[in-house]
Amino acid sequence: LVVGASGGIGQYATRELLKQGYRVRGLTRFPEEAQRVLGSEVEWVQADLNKPETLAPVMPGVSKVIFAAGAHGWEDIENNRRIYYEAVGELARLSAAQGVTSFALVSSGGVTTDSPNRSKYLKDVLKWKLRGENLLRSCGVPYAIVRAYSLDNRAESKPKTSSTAATPTQTSDLVLNQGDKTDEAGLITRQDLAVVSVQALLLPDLGRGESKGVTFEVFDRNAQFFACQDGQRTCVGRIERPTPENTSKGTSESVKASKSSDSISSSEDDNEWRRVLLKLRPDKGLQGTQDGGFDFSSSAA
């Protein structure tokens, strides 16, 4: 099940899953419009994330869930609570009830940090995203929480037709971090974010050990923030230069991936993704209330 399948990130996630041979059910408010965009290969189901009671009918037969939906509209601040908290929580509950094997949630970097210069709207978004994350962590379903800092709107545009593919322009040097660091961050395209989320969703050992999942941040080192003003996540410059393949630092890991639609198609690439993702430290557990953070286990699994 791809939640938000007709959106920018969801479209790429849907295409990636179809390419890998999975049957995909797409949740959308407008199935006819979605079918015109992505075609009839997807089983389209109509539901509204603002209405939790519409979600149960879309779940029968689902084995994996990827949540890539976003709340829209600055004028409706309550929409953040409904989408990022209530809808995530209800889908997590339904997933646990029917034995879903993995759940990938697209979230945001910076949810555990604070800045007095953030707008009221951004603070509200991050507050409800963190609470939604914690509902997923506590439901018992193996999960991956994939956090992005900001989307790179200049590198690509939202695909308009089912035959549209992103044009390869440069090599993405994707960095995976843990700990919600804000001193090392950057942009990421919707396509790269979708591919990373799908790879995390399909990781065989997602719920390994005592932990039920992992949380990590991802960005493109070639679009890295090298200066931030007043603690805001505002890109005041970007680095666009070749980066050595071995760019690991601390718990960071980089993965080379083309921006083309065939970026992660070969078994060798899939094995490389698996190697990198398995290096991530699993979440150890929550601390405090739903407003609080969490810590990591002391060693990688």
Protein backbone atom coordinates (compact mmCIF):
# COMPACT_ATOMS: atom_id res chain seq x y z
CA LEU A 1 0.00 0.00 0.00
CA VAL A 2 1.41 3.39 -1.04
CA VAL A 3 -0.23 6.17 0.94
CA GLY A 4 -0.07 9.36 -1.07
CA ALA A 5 0.61 7.40 -4.27
CA SER A 6 -0.49 10.24 -6.55
CA GLY A 7 1.79 12.81 -4.86
CA GLY A 8 5.32 13.75 -5.85
CA ILE A 9 7.19 11.26 -3.61
CA GLY A 10 4.42 8.65 -3.82
CA GLN A 11 4.51 8.53 -7.61
CA TYR A 12 8.20 7.68 -7.62
CA ALA A 13 7.74 5.11 -4.85
CA THR A 14 4.90 3.49 -6.79
CA ARG A 15 6.98 3.28 -9.96
CA GLU A 16 9.92 1.80 -8.07
CA LEU A 17 7.75 -0.91 -6.50
CA LEU A 18 6.11 -1.75 -9.84
CA LYS A 19 9.53 -1.97 -11.46
CA GLN A 20 10.60 -4.47 -8.83
CA GLY A 21 7.57 -6.65 -9.54
CA TYR A 22 5.33 -5.81 -6.59
CA ARG A 23 1.58 -5.48 -6.79
CA VAL A 24 0.79 -1.95 -5.64
CA ARG A 25 -2.37 -0.56 -4.10
CA GLY A 26 -2.48 3.23 -4.20
CA LEU A 27 -4.44 5.22 -1.64
CA THR A 28 -5.77 8.50 -2.99
CA ARG A 29 -8.77 10.81 -2.72
CA PHE A 30 -9.02 11.02 -6.50
CA PRO A 31 -8.55 7.56 -8.07
CA GLU A 32 -9.63 8.54 -11.60
CA GLU A 33 -7.12 11.37 -11.74
CA ALA A 34 -4.42 9.12 -10.25
CA GLN A 35 -5.07 6.43 -12.83
CA ARG A 36 -4.60 8.95 -15.64
CA VAL A 37 -1.20 9.83 -14.18
CA LEU A 38 0.17 6.42 -13.19
CA GLY A 39 -1.95 4.02 -15.19
CA SER A 40 -4.01 0.94 -14.43
CA GLU A 41 -1.14 -1.24 -13.17
CA VAL A 42 -1.90 0.19 -9.74
CA GLU A 43 -4.97 -0.94 -7.81
CA TRP A 44 -6.46 2.42 -6.87
CA VAL A 45 -8.51 2.75 -3.70
CA GLN A 46 -10.31 5.85 -2.53
CA ALA A 47 -9.83 7.05 1.03
CA ASP A 48 -9.30 10.32 2.86
CA LEU A 49 -6.53 10.67 5.44
CA ASN A 50 -8.60 13.38 7.11
CA LYS A 51 -11.24 10.73 7.83
CA PRO A 52 -9.67 7.78 9.73
CA GLU A 53 -12.86 5.75 9.37
CA THR A 54 -12.18 5.45 5.60
CA LEU A 55 -8.82 3.72 6.05
CA ALA A 56 -9.78 0.24 7.29
CA PRO A 57 -11.37 -0.85 3.95
CA VAL A 58 -8.10 -0.25 2.07
CA MET A 59 -6.03 -2.62 4.24
CA PRO A 60 -7.18 -6.21 3.52
CA GLY A 61 -4.42 -8.17 1.80
CA VAL A 62 -1.75 -5.52 2.37
CA SER A 63 1.65 -6.84 3.52
CA LYS A 64 3.74 -3.64 3.38
CA VAL A 65 2.91 0.05 3.79
CA ILE A 66 4.79 3.15 2.69
CA PHE A 67 3.43 6.48 3.93
CA ALA A 68 4.52 9.30 1.60
CA ALA A 69 1.57 11.66 1.99
CA GLY A 70 1.84 15.28 2.96
CA ALA A 71 -0.48 17.84 4.50
CA HIS A 72 -1.19 20.84 2.29
CA GLY A 73 -2.48 24.26 3.06
CA TRP A 74 -0.94 26.78 5.42
CA GLU A 75 -4.40 28.08 6.27
CA ASP A 76 -5.47 24.78 7.86
CA ILE A 77 -2.97 24.10 10.64
CA GLU A 78 -5.20 21.35 12.06
CA ASN A 79 -4.51 19.38 8.89
CA ASN A 80 -1.02 18.62 10.21
CA ARG A 81 -2.47 16.80 13.21
CA ARG A 82 -4.94 14.84 11.09
CA ILE A 83 -2.39 13.70 8.48
CA TYR A 84 0.92 13.32 10.33
CA TYR A 85 -0.50 12.03 13.61
CA GLU A 86 -4.02 10.65 13.40
CA ALA A 87 -3.74 9.06 9.94
CA VAL A 88 -0.27 7.64 10.64
CA GLY A 89 -1.48 6.28 13.97
CA GLU A 90 -4.60 4.68 12.51
CA LEU A 91 -2.68 3.04 9.66
CA ALA A 92 -0.06 1.80 12.14
CA ARG A 93 -2.82 0.33 14.32
CA LEU A 94 -4.49 -1.35 11.35
CA SER A 95 -1.13 -2.65 10.13
CA ALA A 96 -0.38 -4.24 13.50
CA ALA A 97 -3.84 -5.81 13.66
CA GLN A 98 -3.41 -7.65 10.36
CA GLY A 99 0.28 -8.56 10.59
CA VAL A 100 1.85 -6.14 8.11
CA THR A 101 5.53 -7.07 7.78
CA SER A 102 7.03 -3.60 7.24
CA PHE A 103 5.99 0.06 7.32
CA ALA A 104 8.09 2.90 5.89
CA LEU A 105 7.23 6.44 6.99
CA VAL A 106 8.58 9.51 5.17
CA SER A 107 9.20 12.15 7.83
CA SER A 108 11.34 15.25 8.38
CA GLY A 109 14.76 15.99 9.79
CA GLY A 110 14.79 18.34 12.76
CA VAL A 111 11.74 16.89 14.53
CA THR A 112 13.66 16.42 17.80
CA THR A 113 15.36 19.82 17.74
CA ASP A 114 14.02 23.30 18.30
CA SER A 115 14.74 26.76 16.98
CA PRO A 116 13.13 30.01 18.09
CA ASN A 117 13.24 31.23 14.49
CA ARG A 118 11.00 28.53 13.08
CA SER A 119 7.57 29.67 12.01
CA LYS A 120 4.52 28.60 14.01
CA TYR A 121 3.42 26.47 11.08
CA LEU A 122 6.76 24.63 10.77
CA LYS A 123 6.88 23.99 14.53
CA ASP A 124 3.39 22.51 14.29
CA VAL A 125 4.33 20.29 11.35
CA LEU A 126 7.40 18.91 13.12
CA LYS A 127 5.53 18.42 16.41
CA TRP A 128 2.88 16.23 14.82
CA LYS A 129 5.40 14.39 12.65
CA LEU A 130 7.36 13.38 15.76
CA ARG A 131 4.21 12.23 17.51
CA GLY A 132 3.25 10.24 14.43
CA GLU A 133 6.72 8.66 14.36
CA ASN A 134 6.32 7.59 17.96
CA LEU A 135 2.92 6.02 17.31
CA LEU A 136 4.50 3.94 14.57
CA ARG A 137 7.40 2.92 16.82
CA SER A 138 5.03 1.77 19.53
CA CYS A 139 2.62 -0.26 17.35
CA GLY A 140 4.83 -3.34 17.05
CA VAL A 141 5.16 -3.42 13.25
CA PRO A 142 8.71 -3.51 11.79
CA TYR A 143 9.33 0.00 10.50
CA ALA A 144 11.73 2.40 8.83
CA ILE A 145 11.40 6.14 9.43
CA VAL A 146 13.12 8.06 6.63
CA ARG A 147 13.71 11.73 7.41
CA ALA A 148 14.42 14.37 4.78
CA TYR A 149 15.49 17.93 5.54
CA SER A 150 14.24 19.77 2.46
CA LEU A 151 13.18 18.71 -1.02
CA ASP A 152 15.21 19.79 -4.03
CA ASN A 153 12.67 21.36 -6.35
CA ARG A 154 15.24 22.56 -8.87
CA ALA A 155 16.66 19.15 -9.74
CA GLU A 156 13.41 17.70 -11.06
CA SER A 157 9.75 18.38 -11.56
CA LYS A 158 6.80 16.29 -10.52
CA PRO A 159 6.14 13.65 -13.21
CA LYS A 160 3.01 14.36 -15.24
CA THR A 161 2.36 11.09 -17.08
CA SER A 162 2.96 7.42 -16.46
CA SER A 163 5.69 7.36 -19.11
CA THR A 164 7.65 10.29 -17.68
CA ALA A 165 11.05 9.46 -16.20
CA ALA A 166 13.49 11.79 -14.50
CA THR A 167 16.31 12.98 -16.72
CA PRO A 168 19.75 11.95 -15.42
CA THR A 169 21.56 15.20 -14.69
CA GLN A 170 24.20 14.48 -12.07
CA THR A 171 25.20 11.77 -9.65
CA SER A 172 23.52 11.77 -6.27
CA ASP A 173 25.89 11.19 -3.37
CA LEU A 174 23.36 10.18 -0.76
CA VAL A 175 24.35 10.40 2.91
CA LEU A 176 22.53 8.46 5.61
CA ASN A 177 22.82 9.87 9.15
CA GLN A 178 21.30 9.08 12.51
CA GLY A 179 20.67 11.23 15.54
CA ASP A 180 18.68 14.03 13.83
CA LYS A 181 21.76 16.15 13.24
CA THR A 182 21.14 19.66 11.94
CA ASP A 183 24.80 20.59 11.45
CA GLU A 184 25.13 18.18 8.52
CA ALA A 185 22.13 18.30 6.23
CA GLY A 186 21.06 19.02 2.69
CA LEU A 187 18.46 18.75 -0.02
CA ILE A 188 17.17 15.57 -1.66
CA THR A 189 15.05 15.03 -4.74
CA ARG A 190 11.65 13.40 -4.45
CA GLN A 191 12.85 10.52 -6.60
CA ASP A 192 15.92 9.81 -4.46
CA LEU A 193 13.82 10.04 -1.29
CA ALA A 194 11.29 7.60 -2.75
CA VAL A 195 13.98 5.10 -3.79
CA VAL A 196 15.64 5.20 -0.35
CA SER A 197 12.26 4.71 1.35
CA VAL A 198 11.38 1.75 -0.88
CA GLN A 199 14.76 0.12 -0.23
CA ALA A 200 14.25 0.54 3.52
CA LEU A 201 10.72 -0.87 3.25
CA LEU A 202 11.99 -3.98 1.47
CA LEU A 203 14.90 -4.65 3.83
CA PRO A 204 14.49 -8.30 4.92
CA ASP A 205 15.90 -7.76 8.42
CA LEU A 206 13.98 -4.57 9.20
CA GLY A 207 12.65 -5.81 12.54
CA ARG A 208 15.87 -7.48 13.65
CA GLY A 209 16.86 -8.08 17.28
CA GLU A 210 15.04 -6.37 20.14
CA SER A 211 14.25 -3.37 17.97
CA LYS A 212 11.35 -3.22 15.57
CA GLY A 213 12.92 -0.68 13.27
CA VAL A 214 15.31 2.10 12.33
CA THR A 215 15.21 5.87 12.00
CA PHE A 216 17.61 7.81 9.81
CA GLU A 217 18.08 11.05 7.90
CA VAL A 218 19.10 11.23 4.25
CA PHE A 219 20.34 14.00 1.97
CA ASP A 220 22.42 14.53 -1.15
CA ARG A 221 25.96 15.62 -0.31
CA ASN A 222 26.06 17.41 -3.67
CA ALA A 223 23.23 19.62 -2.43
CA GLN A 224 24.49 20.07 1.11
CA PHE A 225 23.72 23.06 3.31
CA PHE A 226 27.11 24.53 4.15
CA ALA A 227 25.69 27.51 6.02
CA CYS A 228 22.48 28.05 7.92
CA GLN A 229 21.20 31.38 9.15
CA ASP A 230 19.76 31.76 12.64
CA GLY A 231 19.20 28.04 13.03
CA GLN A 232 16.75 27.87 10.14
CA ARG A 233 16.90 25.12 7.53
CA THR A 234 17.38 27.68 4.77
CA CYS A 235 19.84 26.78 2.06
CA VAL A 236 22.11 29.78 1.52
CA GLY A 237 24.47 27.84 -0.73
CA ARG A 238 24.96 24.41 -2.18
CA ILE A 239 28.00 22.33 -2.98
CA GLU A 240 27.97 20.86 -6.47
CA ARG A 241 31.27 19.13 -6.95
CA PRO A 242 32.55 15.54 -7.33
CA THR A 243 32.79 13.74 -4.01
CA PRO A 244 35.12 10.78 -3.29
CA GLU A 245 33.35 7.45 -3.01
CA ASN A 246 34.56 6.86 0.52
CA THR A 247 32.82 9.65 2.39
CA SER A 248 31.88 7.81 5.57
CA LYS A 249 32.14 9.83 8.74
CA GLY A 250 30.92 8.66 12.12
CA THR A 251 27.54 7.06 11.57
CA SER A 252 27.24 8.58 8.10
CA GLU A 253 27.24 6.40 5.02
CA SER A 254 27.16 7.46 1.39
CA VAL A 255 25.56 5.61 -1.50
CA LYS A 256 26.14 6.43 -5.14
CA ALA A 257 22.90 6.40 -7.13
CA SER A 258 22.00 7.78 -10.53
CA LYS A 259 18.96 10.02 -10.77
CA SER A 260 17.65 7.91 -13.63
CA SER A 261 14.60 5.71 -13.10
CA ASP A 262 16.90 2.65 -13.30
CA SER A 263 19.08 3.84 -10.43
CA ILE A 264 18.62 0.83 -8.13
CA SER A 265 17.67 -1.88 -10.59
CA SER A 266 20.49 -4.44 -10.57
CA SER A 267 20.96 -7.07 -7.86
CA GLU A 268 24.40 -5.66 -7.17
CA ASP A 269 22.87 -2.25 -6.38
CA ASP A 270 20.20 -3.87 -4.21
CA ASN A 271 22.92 -5.68 -2.25
CA GLU A 272 24.77 -2.41 -1.79
CA TRP A 273 21.65 -0.75 -0.41
CA ARG A 274 21.13 -3.68 1.94
CA ARG A 275 24.72 -3.49 3.17
CA VAL A 276 24.42 0.20 3.94
CA LEU A 277 20.97 0.03 5.55
CA LEU A 278 22.00 -2.86 7.79
CA LYS A 279 24.74 -0.65 9.23
CA LEU A 280 22.11 1.67 10.70
CA ARG A 281 21.66 1.36 14.43
CA PRO A 282 18.18 0.13 15.37
CA ASP A 283 16.01 2.29 17.57
CA LYS A 284 16.35 1.15 21.17
CA GLY A 285 13.12 2.59 22.48
CA LEU A 286 11.25 5.69 23.42
CA GLN A 287 12.13 7.98 26.27
CA GLY A 288 9.46 10.07 27.95
CA THR A 289 6.18 11.03 26.31
CA GLN A 290 5.15 11.30 22.69
CA ASP A 291 6.76 14.73 22.68
CA GLY A 292 10.10 13.24 23.70
CA GLY A 293 12.88 11.77 21.64
CA PHE A 294 14.40 8.30 21.62
CA ASP A 295 17.85 6.82 21.80
CA PHE A 296 19.78 4.29 19.77
CA SER A 297 21.30 0.99 20.79
CA SER A 298 24.99 1.12 21.57
CA SER A 299 26.11 -0.92 18.58
CA ALA A 300 24.98 -1.66 15.07
CA ALA A 301 23.14 -4.88 14.44
